[in-house]
Amino acid sequence: MHVARKLRLIGSISSSSLYFADAQGSIRHHVFGEGEYEQSERVLQQLLTESGSRSVGKKMTPTAEYTRTRSR
């Protein structure tokens, strides 16, 4: 099932929510509201490692799109 469909079925009502899906599209972690930043970072790094990313733990450079939207 597609991640967006899963989120609609869950009925996320929090104004600030984070959902972490693995490479197969399974939701592996979620955060409702603010906070849990360190846990979210650990989950994100774990999922990146599981997917075969070699840049985990390295300083990453923002994309041009991110830089453009941040400067507005």
Protein backbone atom coordinates (compact mmCIF):
# COMPACT_ATOMS: atom_id res chain seq x y z
CA MET A 1 0.00 0.00 0.00
CA HIS A 2 1.30 3.46 -0.88
CA VAL A 3 2.50 5.58 2.08
CA ALA A 4 0.12 8.48 1.31
CA ARG A 5 -2.83 6.05 1.38
CA LYS A 6 -1.69 4.65 4.72
CA LEU A 7 -1.53 8.14 6.17
CA ARG A 8 -5.08 8.89 5.00
CA LEU A 9 -6.28 5.66 6.61
CA ILE A 10 -4.54 6.52 9.87
CA GLY A 11 -6.25 9.91 9.81
CA SER A 12 -3.36 11.96 11.08
CA ILE A 13 -4.88 14.92 12.92
CA SER A 14 -1.80 16.46 14.51
CA SER A 15 -0.73 19.77 12.99
CA SER A 16 2.88 18.66 13.11
CA SER A 17 3.52 15.00 12.35
CA LEU A 18 6.50 13.04 11.11
CA TYR A 19 6.20 9.61 9.54
CA PHE A 20 9.25 7.52 8.69
CA ALA A 21 8.80 4.86 6.02
CA ASP A 22 11.35 2.26 5.02
CA ALA A 23 12.42 1.48 1.46
CA GLN A 24 9.45 -0.91 1.11
CA GLY A 25 6.95 1.77 2.15
CA SER A 26 6.19 0.43 5.63
CA ILE A 27 5.77 3.10 8.28
CA ARG A 28 8.43 2.32 10.87
CA HIS A 29 8.14 5.30 13.23
CA HIS A 30 5.94 8.32 13.75
CA VAL A 31 5.95 11.45 15.88
CA PHE A 32 2.88 13.56 16.60
CA GLY A 33 3.58 17.16 17.57
CA GLU A 34 6.90 18.76 18.36
CA GLY A 35 9.87 17.09 20.01
CA GLU A 36 11.59 13.71 19.90
CA TYR A 37 14.21 15.18 17.56
CA GLU A 38 17.09 12.95 18.70
CA GLN A 39 14.96 9.79 18.39
CA SER A 40 13.76 10.91 14.95
CA GLU A 41 17.36 11.45 13.86
CA ARG A 42 18.33 7.96 15.05
CA VAL A 43 15.39 6.40 13.19
CA LEU A 44 16.22 8.32 10.03
CA GLN A 45 19.87 7.27 10.15
CA GLN A 46 18.86 3.64 10.76
CA LEU A 47 16.48 3.64 7.79
CA LEU A 48 19.10 5.25 5.55
CA THR A 49 21.65 2.64 6.62
CA GLU A 50 19.19 -0.20 5.96
CA SER A 51 18.49 1.18 2.49
CA GLY A 52 22.20 1.10 1.64
CA SER A 53 23.04 4.79 1.93
CA ARG A 54 26.76 5.42 2.32
CA SER A 55 26.39 9.04 3.41
CA VAL A 56 25.02 8.40 6.90
CA GLY A 57 27.07 10.32 9.41
CA LYS A 58 28.68 12.52 6.76
CA LYS A 59 27.98 16.21 6.46
CA MET A 60 25.31 16.55 3.81
CA THR A 61 24.92 19.60 1.57
CA PRO A 62 21.43 21.09 1.13
CA THR A 63 19.96 20.74 -2.34
CA ALA A 64 19.43 23.80 -4.54
CA GLU A 65 15.66 23.54 -3.98
CA TYR A 66 16.11 23.56 -0.19
CA THR A 67 18.48 26.52 -0.38
CA ARG A 68 16.08 28.45 -2.63
CA THR A 69 13.05 27.91 -0.35
CA ARG A 70 15.02 28.77 2.80
CA SER A 71 16.15 32.10 1.36
CA ARG A 72 12.60 33.38 0.75
